C-alpha atoms as a PDB file:
ATOM      1  CA  MET A   1     122.692 -54.910 103.464  1.00  0.00           C
ATOM      2  CA  ALA A   2     122.220 -58.750 103.862  1.00  0.00           C
ATOM      3  CA  PRO A   3     123.622 -60.986 101.362  1.00  0.00           C
ATOM      4  CA  THR A   4     121.438 -62.120  98.389  1.00  0.00           C
ATOM      5  CA  SER A   5     122.021 -64.855  95.659  1.00  0.00           C
ATOM      6  CA  ARG A   6     122.288 -61.974  93.076  1.00  0.00           C
ATOM      7  CA  ALA A   7     125.746 -60.986  91.839  1.00  0.00           C
ATOM      8  CA  ILE A   8     124.617 -57.216  91.752  1.00  0.00           C
ATOM      9  CA  ASP A   9     122.792 -55.432  94.618  1.00  0.00           C
ATOM     10  CA  ALA A  10     123.090 -51.930  93.541  1.00  0.00           C
ATOM     11  CA  VAL A  11     122.811 -49.811  90.355  1.00  0.00           C
ATOM     12  CA  ILE A  12     124.632 -46.469  90.344  1.00  0.00           C
ATOM     13  CA  PHE A  13     123.500 -44.218  87.463  1.00  0.00           C
ATOM     14  CA  ASP A  14     125.454 -41.217  85.867  1.00  0.00           C
ATOM     15  CA  LEU A  15     123.243 -38.431  85.079  1.00  0.00           C
ATOM     16  CA  ASP A  16     124.099 -36.116  82.222  1.00  0.00           C
ATOM     17  CA  GLY A  17     123.657 -38.091  79.211  1.00  0.00           C
ATOM     18  CA  VAL A  18     122.304 -41.006  80.812  1.00  0.00           C
ATOM     19  CA  LEU A  19     119.150 -40.247  82.909  1.00  0.00           C
ATOM     20  CA  ALA A  20     118.689 -36.682  81.207  1.00  0.00           C
ATOM     21  CA  ASP A  21     119.825 -35.462  77.664  1.00  0.00           C
ATOM     22  CA  THR A  22     121.234 -32.237  79.373  1.00  0.00           C
ATOM     23  CA  GLU A  23     124.180 -31.599  76.798  1.00  0.00           C
ATOM     24  CA  ILE A  24     121.807 -29.337  75.154  1.00  0.00           C
ATOM     25  CA  VAL A  25     121.576 -27.390  78.074  1.00  0.00           C
ATOM     26  CA  TRP A  26     125.048 -26.949  79.126  1.00  0.00           C
ATOM     27  CA  PHE A  27     126.107 -26.088  75.519  1.00  0.00           C
ATOM     28  CA  GLU A  28     123.297 -23.268  75.135  1.00  0.00           C
ATOM     29  CA  ALA A  29     124.416 -21.991  78.794  1.00  0.00           C
ATOM     30  CA  ILE A  30     128.128 -21.835  78.028  1.00  0.00           C
ATOM     31  CA  ARG A  31     127.432 -20.339  74.716  1.00  0.00           C
ATOM     32  CA  ALA A  32     125.546 -17.857  76.183  1.00  0.00           C
ATOM     33  CA  MET A  33     127.731 -16.954  78.872  1.00  0.00           C
ATOM     34  CA  LEU A  34     130.506 -16.557  75.918  1.00  0.00           C
ATOM     35  CA  ALA A  35     128.707 -14.756  73.581  1.00  0.00           C
ATOM     36  CA  PRO A  36     129.982 -12.700  71.429  1.00  0.00           C
ATOM     37  CA  ALA A  37     132.620 -15.203  71.238  1.00  0.00           C
ATOM     38  CA  PRO A  38     131.835 -18.332  69.237  1.00  0.00           C
ATOM     39  CA  PHE A  39     131.350 -21.749  71.111  1.00  0.00           C
ATOM     40  CA  THR A  40     130.675 -24.691  68.713  1.00  0.00           C
ATOM     41  CA  TRP A  41     129.077 -27.956  69.210  1.00  0.00           C
ATOM     42  CA  GLU A  42     132.481 -29.566  68.454  1.00  0.00           C
ATOM     43  CA  GLN A  43     134.206 -27.593  71.298  1.00  0.00           C
ATOM     44  CA  ASN A  44     131.203 -28.621  73.666  1.00  0.00           C
ATOM     45  CA  GLU A  45     131.773 -32.081  72.997  1.00  0.00           C
ATOM     46  CA  HIS A  46     135.418 -31.828  74.003  1.00  0.00           C
ATOM     47  CA  LEU A  47     133.895 -31.182  77.332  1.00  0.00           C
ATOM     48  CA  VAL A  48     131.512 -33.831  77.588  1.00  0.00           C
ATOM     49  CA  GLY A  49     132.017 -36.272  80.963  1.00  0.00           C
ATOM     50  CA  SER A  50     134.977 -33.827  82.192  1.00  0.00           C
ATOM     51  CA  SER A  51     134.785 -32.315  85.438  1.00  0.00           C
ATOM     52  CA  SER A  52     133.894 -28.879  86.267  1.00  0.00           C
ATOM     53  CA  ALA A  53     137.676 -27.858  87.344  1.00  0.00           C
ATOM     54  CA  PHE A  54     138.565 -28.902  83.706  1.00  0.00           C
ATOM     55  CA  THR A  55     135.952 -27.230  82.034  1.00  0.00           C
ATOM     56  CA  THR A  56     136.635 -23.946  83.805  1.00  0.00           C
ATOM     57  CA  GLU A  57     140.327 -23.910  83.053  1.00  0.00           C
ATOM     58  CA  TRP A  58     139.681 -24.849  79.482  1.00  0.00           C
ATOM     59  CA  ILE A  59     137.197 -22.005  79.078  1.00  0.00           C
ATOM     60  CA  ARG A  60     139.974 -19.530  80.914  1.00  0.00           C
ATOM     61  CA  THR A  61     142.751 -20.929  78.766  1.00  0.00           C
ATOM     62  CA  THR A  62     140.775 -21.227  75.305  1.00  0.00           C
ATOM     63  CA  TYR A  63     139.098 -17.807  75.473  1.00  0.00           C
ATOM     64  CA  GLY A  64     141.715 -15.815  77.851  1.00  0.00           C
ATOM     65  CA  ARG A  65     138.868 -15.023  80.398  1.00  0.00           C
ATOM     66  CA  PRO A  66     140.227 -12.720  83.379  1.00  0.00           C
ATOM     67  CA  GLU A  67     137.958 -14.383  86.037  1.00  0.00           C
ATOM     68  CA  SER A  68     139.648 -16.254  88.845  1.00  0.00           C
ATOM     69  CA  PRO A  69     138.854 -20.117  88.672  1.00  0.00           C
ATOM     70  CA  ASP A  70     136.046 -19.773  91.295  1.00  0.00           C
ATOM     71  CA  VAL A  71     134.310 -16.699  90.032  1.00  0.00           C
ATOM     72  CA  LEU A  72     134.324 -18.213  86.562  1.00  0.00           C
ATOM     73  CA  ALA A  73     132.948 -21.570  87.824  1.00  0.00           C
ATOM     74  CA  HIS A  74     130.308 -19.758  89.870  1.00  0.00           C
ATOM     75  CA  MET A  75     129.267 -18.319  86.319  1.00  0.00           C
ATOM     76  CA  ILE A  76     129.189 -21.392  84.746  1.00  0.00           C
ATOM     77  CA  SER A  77     126.907 -22.664  87.375  1.00  0.00           C
ATOM     78  CA  GLU A  78     124.323 -19.804  87.416  1.00  0.00           C
ATOM     79  CA  ALA A  79     124.459 -19.863  83.357  1.00  0.00           C
ATOM     80  CA  VAL A  80     123.293 -23.821  83.317  1.00  0.00           C
ATOM     81  CA  ASN A  81     120.879 -23.295  86.173  1.00  0.00           C
ATOM     82  CA  GLU A  82     119.232 -20.488  84.683  1.00  0.00           C
ATOM     83  CA  MET A  83     119.480 -22.340  81.181  1.00  0.00           C
ATOM     84  CA  ILE A  84     117.521 -25.417  82.612  1.00  0.00           C
ATOM     85  CA  GLU A  85     114.365 -23.486  83.566  1.00  0.00           C
ATOM     86  CA  SER A  86     113.982 -22.304  79.825  1.00  0.00           C
ATOM     87  CA  ILE A  87     114.546 -25.877  77.950  1.00  0.00           C
ATOM     88  CA  ASP A  88     112.088 -28.545  78.124  1.00  0.00           C
ATOM     89  CA  LEU A  89     113.766 -31.347  79.984  1.00  0.00           C
ATOM     90  CA  ALA A  90     112.556 -35.208  80.066  1.00  0.00           C
ATOM     91  CA  ALA A  91     114.054 -38.333  81.495  1.00  0.00           C
ATOM     92  CA  MET A  92     115.820 -40.372  78.942  1.00  0.00           C
ATOM     93  CA  GLU A  93     113.415 -43.099  77.300  1.00  0.00           C
ATOM     94  CA  GLY A  94     113.555 -46.284  79.357  1.00  0.00           C
ATOM     95  CA  ALA A  95     114.745 -44.465  82.391  1.00  0.00           C
ATOM     96  CA  ALA A  96     111.678 -44.831  84.606  1.00  0.00           C
ATOM     97  CA  ASP A  97     110.808 -48.139  83.422  1.00  0.00           C
ATOM     98  CA  LEU A  98     114.253 -49.379  84.382  1.00  0.00           C
ATOM     99  CA  ILE A  99     114.542 -48.050  87.858  1.00  0.00           C
ATOM    100  CA  GLU A 100     111.299 -49.129  88.499  1.00  0.00           C
ATOM    101  CA  GLY A 101     112.299 -52.788  87.334  1.00  0.00           C
ATOM    102  CA  LEU A 102     115.403 -52.448  89.558  1.00  0.00           C
ATOM    103  CA  HIS A 103     113.457 -51.309  92.468  1.00  0.00           C
ATOM    104  CA  GLY A 104     111.069 -54.164  91.879  1.00  0.00           C
ATOM    105  CA  ARG A 105     113.769 -56.838  91.903  1.00  0.00           C
ATOM    106  CA  GLY A 106     115.116 -55.183  95.112  1.00  0.00           C
ATOM    107  CA  LEU A 107     117.914 -53.499  93.847  1.00  0.00           C
ATOM    108  CA  LEU A 108     119.428 -50.177  95.697  1.00  0.00           C
ATOM    109  CA  VAL A 109     119.626 -47.236  93.281  1.00  0.00           C
ATOM    110  CA  ALA A 110     121.602 -44.141  93.431  1.00  0.00           C
ATOM    111  CA  VAL A 111     123.503 -41.268  91.196  1.00  0.00           C
ATOM    112  CA  ALA A 112     126.987 -40.450  90.913  1.00  0.00           C
ATOM    113  CA  SER A 113     127.436 -37.236  88.751  1.00  0.00           C
ATOM    114  CA  GLN A 114     130.438 -34.854  88.157  1.00  0.00           C
ATOM    115  CA  SER A 115     127.648 -32.019  88.363  1.00  0.00           C
ATOM    116  CA  SER A 116     127.199 -29.915  91.599  1.00  0.00           C
ATOM    117  CA  PRO A 117     124.828 -31.086  94.238  1.00  0.00           C
ATOM    118  CA  ARG A 118     122.286 -27.915  92.818  1.00  0.00           C
ATOM    119  CA  TRP A 119     122.483 -29.038  89.363  1.00  0.00           C
ATOM    120  CA  VAL A 120     121.777 -32.855  90.196  1.00  0.00           C
ATOM    121  CA  GLU A 121     118.827 -32.231  92.420  1.00  0.00           C
ATOM    122  CA  ARG A 122     117.089 -29.454  89.990  1.00  0.00           C
ATOM    123  CA  THR A 123     117.765 -32.061  87.057  1.00  0.00           C
ATOM    124  CA  LEU A 124     116.504 -35.089  88.819  1.00  0.00           C
ATOM    125  CA  THR A 125     113.342 -33.082  89.871  1.00  0.00           C
ATOM    126  CA  ARG A 126     112.777 -31.762  86.262  1.00  0.00           C
ATOM    127  CA  ILE A 127     112.527 -35.243  84.947  1.00  0.00           C
ATOM    128  CA  GLY A 128     110.568 -36.580  87.866  1.00  0.00           C
ATOM    129  CA  LEU A 129     113.169 -38.981  89.068  1.00  0.00           C
ATOM    130  CA  LEU A 130     114.490 -37.371  92.450  1.00  0.00           C
ATOM    131  CA  PRO A 131     112.180 -39.603  94.809  1.00  0.00           C
ATOM    132  CA  ALA A 132     113.416 -42.853  92.660  1.00  0.00           C
ATOM    133  CA  PHE A 133     116.860 -42.489  94.131  1.00  0.00           C
ATOM    134  CA  GLU A 134     118.394 -43.921  97.459  1.00  0.00           C
ATOM    135  CA  PHE A 135     120.699 -40.668  97.505  1.00  0.00           C
ATOM    136  CA  PHE A 136     122.718 -38.646  94.714  1.00  0.00           C
ATOM    137  CA  VAL A 137     126.669 -38.277  95.142  1.00  0.00           C
ATOM    138  CA  THR A 138     128.546 -35.519  93.463  1.00  0.00           C
ATOM    139  CA  ALA A 139     132.175 -34.836  92.703  1.00  0.00           C
ATOM    140  CA  SER A 140     132.277 -31.882  95.494  1.00  0.00           C
ATOM    141  CA  GLU A 141     132.312 -34.764  97.945  1.00  0.00           C
ATOM    142  CA  VAL A 142     135.537 -36.725  96.857  1.00  0.00           C
ATOM    143  CA  ALA A 143     139.138 -35.867  96.268  1.00  0.00           C
ATOM    144  CA  ARG A 144     139.312 -36.515  92.627  1.00  0.00           C
ATOM    145  CA  PRO A 145     136.678 -36.576  89.836  1.00  0.00           C
ATOM    146  CA  LYS A 146     136.237 -39.077  87.064  1.00  0.00           C
ATOM    147  CA  PRO A 147     137.925 -40.844  85.614  1.00  0.00           C
ATOM    148  CA  ALA A 148     139.283 -41.477  88.993  1.00  0.00           C
ATOM    149  CA  PRO A 149     137.464 -44.144  90.836  1.00  0.00           C
ATOM    150  CA  ASP A 150     136.733 -41.895  93.910  1.00  0.00           C
ATOM    151  CA  ILE A 151     132.997 -40.803  93.141  1.00  0.00           C
ATOM    152  CA  TYR A 152     132.091 -44.701  92.908  1.00  0.00           C
ATOM    153  CA  LEU A 153     133.856 -45.901  95.721  1.00  0.00           C
ATOM    154  CA  HIS A 154     131.996 -43.405  97.613  1.00  0.00           C
ATOM    155  CA  ALA A 155     128.795 -44.218  96.414  1.00  0.00           C
ATOM    156  CA  ALA A 156     129.377 -47.825  97.061  1.00  0.00           C
ATOM    157  CA  GLU A 157     130.395 -47.195 100.465  1.00  0.00           C
ATOM    158  CA  ARG A 158     127.225 -44.789 100.920  1.00  0.00           C
ATOM    159  CA  ILE A 159     124.877 -47.515 100.004  1.00  0.00           C
ATOM    160  CA  GLY A 160     126.674 -50.004 101.702  1.00  0.00           C
ATOM    161  CA  VAL A 161     127.486 -52.392  99.204  1.00  0.00           C
ATOM    162  CA  ALA A 162     130.894 -53.960  97.942  1.00  0.00           C
ATOM    163  CA  PRO A 163     132.058 -52.577  94.787  1.00  0.00           C
ATOM    164  CA  GLU A 164     132.107 -55.699  92.899  1.00  0.00           C
ATOM    165  CA  ARG A 165     128.715 -56.107  93.548  1.00  0.00           C
ATOM    166  CA  CYS A 166     127.739 -52.782  92.120  1.00  0.00           C
ATOM    167  CA  LEU A 167     126.947 -51.808  88.557  1.00  0.00           C
ATOM    168  CA  ALA A 168     127.367 -48.415  87.120  1.00  0.00           C
ATOM    169  CA  ILE A 169     125.331 -47.029  83.770  1.00  0.00           C
ATOM    170  CA  GLU A 170     127.536 -44.282  82.136  1.00  0.00           C
ATOM    171  CA  ASP A 171     127.866 -42.810  78.740  1.00  0.00           C
ATOM    172  CA  SER A 172     131.077 -40.831  78.677  1.00  0.00           C
ATOM    173  CA  ALA A 173     134.761 -42.207  78.512  1.00  0.00           C
ATOM    174  CA  HIS A 174     135.594 -40.806  81.894  1.00  0.00           C
ATOM    175  CA  GLY A 175     132.652 -42.258  83.559  1.00  0.00           C
ATOM    176  CA  VAL A 176     133.435 -45.567  82.318  1.00  0.00           C
ATOM    177  CA  GLU A 177     136.850 -45.733  83.294  1.00  0.00           C
ATOM    178  CA  ALA A 178     135.986 -44.400  86.840  1.00  0.00           C
ATOM    179  CA  ALA A 179     133.648 -47.322  87.326  1.00  0.00           C
ATOM    180  CA  HIS A 180     136.088 -49.748  86.025  1.00  0.00           C
ATOM    181  CA  ALA A 181     138.776 -48.532  87.996  1.00  0.00           C
ATOM    182  CA  ALA A 182     136.254 -48.636  90.975  1.00  0.00           C
ATOM    183  CA  GLY A 183     135.834 -52.434  90.425  1.00  0.00           C
ATOM    184  CA  PHE A 184     131.900 -51.775  89.524  1.00  0.00           C
ATOM    185  CA  THR A 185     130.429 -53.543  86.381  1.00  0.00           C
ATOM    186  CA  ALA A 186     130.341 -50.879  83.531  1.00  0.00           C
ATOM    187  CA  VAL A 187     127.407 -50.455  81.204  1.00  0.00           C
ATOM    188  CA  GLN A 188     128.011 -47.784  78.660  1.00  0.00           C
ATOM    189  CA  VAL A 189     124.660 -46.428  77.411  1.00  0.00           C
ATOM    190  CA  ARG A 190     124.778 -44.775  73.831  1.00  0.00           C
ATOM    191  CA  HIS A 191     121.969 -42.286  73.485  1.00  0.00           C
ATOM    192  CA  GLY A 192     121.611 -38.682  73.449  1.00  0.00           C
ATOM    193  CA  VAL A 193     122.827 -36.031  71.235  1.00  0.00           C
ATOM    194  CA  ALA A 194     126.428 -36.618  71.956  1.00  0.00           C
ATOM    195  CA  PRO A 195     127.105 -40.590  72.521  1.00  0.00           C
ATOM    196  CA  ALA A 196     130.495 -41.058  73.104  1.00  0.00           C
ATOM    197  CA  PRO A 197     132.789 -44.042  71.275  1.00  0.00           C
ATOM    198  CA  PRO A 198     132.057 -47.257  72.372  1.00  0.00           C
ATOM    199  CA  GLN A 199     134.640 -47.773  75.427  1.00  0.00           C
ATOM    200  CA  ALA A 200     136.782 -50.564  75.592  1.00  0.00           C
ATOM    201  CA  ARG A 201     136.637 -50.749  79.550  1.00  0.00           C
ATOM    202  CA  ALA A 202     132.741 -51.174  79.208  1.00  0.00           C
ATOM    203  CA  HIS A 203     131.904 -54.755  80.203  1.00  0.00           C
ATOM    204  CA  ALA A 204     128.550 -54.164  77.879  1.00  0.00           C
ATOM    205  CA  ILE A 205     127.567 -51.319  75.513  1.00  0.00           C
ATOM    206  CA  ILE A 206     123.618 -50.588  74.863  1.00  0.00           C
ATOM    207  CA  GLU A 207     122.006 -48.249  72.854  1.00  0.00           C
ATOM    208  CA  GLY A 208     119.312 -47.440  75.329  1.00  0.00           C
ATOM    209  CA  LEU A 209     118.004 -47.930  78.640  1.00  0.00           C
ATOM    210  CA  HIS A 210     115.322 -50.063  77.401  1.00  0.00           C
ATOM    211  CA  ALA A 211     118.082 -52.565  76.134  1.00  0.00           C
ATOM    212  CA  PHE A 212     119.546 -53.177  79.634  1.00  0.00           C
ATOM    213  CA  ASP A 213     119.495 -56.859  80.228  1.00  0.00           C
ATOM    214  CA  PHE A 214     118.225 -57.927  84.133  1.00  0.00           C
ATOM    215  CA  GLY A 215     119.959 -60.967  83.564  1.00  0.00           C
ATOM    216  CA  TRP A 216     123.123 -58.989  84.158  1.00  0.00           C
ATOM    217  CA  LEU A 217     122.175 -58.788  87.793  1.00  0.00           C
ATOM    218  CA  GLU A 218     122.670 -62.478  88.159  1.00  0.00           C
ATOM    219  CA  ARG A 219     125.520 -62.786  85.640  1.00  0.00           C
ATOM    220  CA  PRO A 220     127.425 -59.744  84.820  1.00  0.00           C
ATOM    221  CA  PRO A 221     128.852 -59.128  81.469  1.00  0.00           C
ATOM    222  CA  ARG A 222     132.562 -59.630  81.399  1.00  0.00           C
END
């Protein structure tokens, strides 16, 4: 990509909790899979922003499940992908307008998610945003999940923009940490049903995507 006078040339979005309020989908899917054993919203909050491997191991340990990690991970994936078909899902307020504004300013946009490729593609399709992105990357493509910086460094490489010229929009503590560690400008958005506490590593904190400041593309928050 040719150099520009902007400070930021690419914006990378997390998916769950940023572009789509999918935590209720994960919660209902895991609760149904574990029934009749109880699974509370407080337990679900403990898993927000964590990797699939962490979620699988937590469920195995907490509930004494006999399945292997691979089998249990497949069961979770199937339950979540089935649940998305039965729950109304829409893009977060302000998402489409923000992406349109970024495109109009010549920015590149992509998605970097902890979730499986199947889930990311299906979710973006359901909320009508799949065509809006250059590409998406998932934790399956890198050695370490968030909070390690791998997924954001991979996204920067794929999009052809240096990390210091990338901005990430995240909601979770792990996501903010990953973006910060990758050398991105990290903006935390706190909307949805399970907003994380304000993160010290975030360069800016907003209460919704409508509050994104396009001036940050010229002078990123520090």
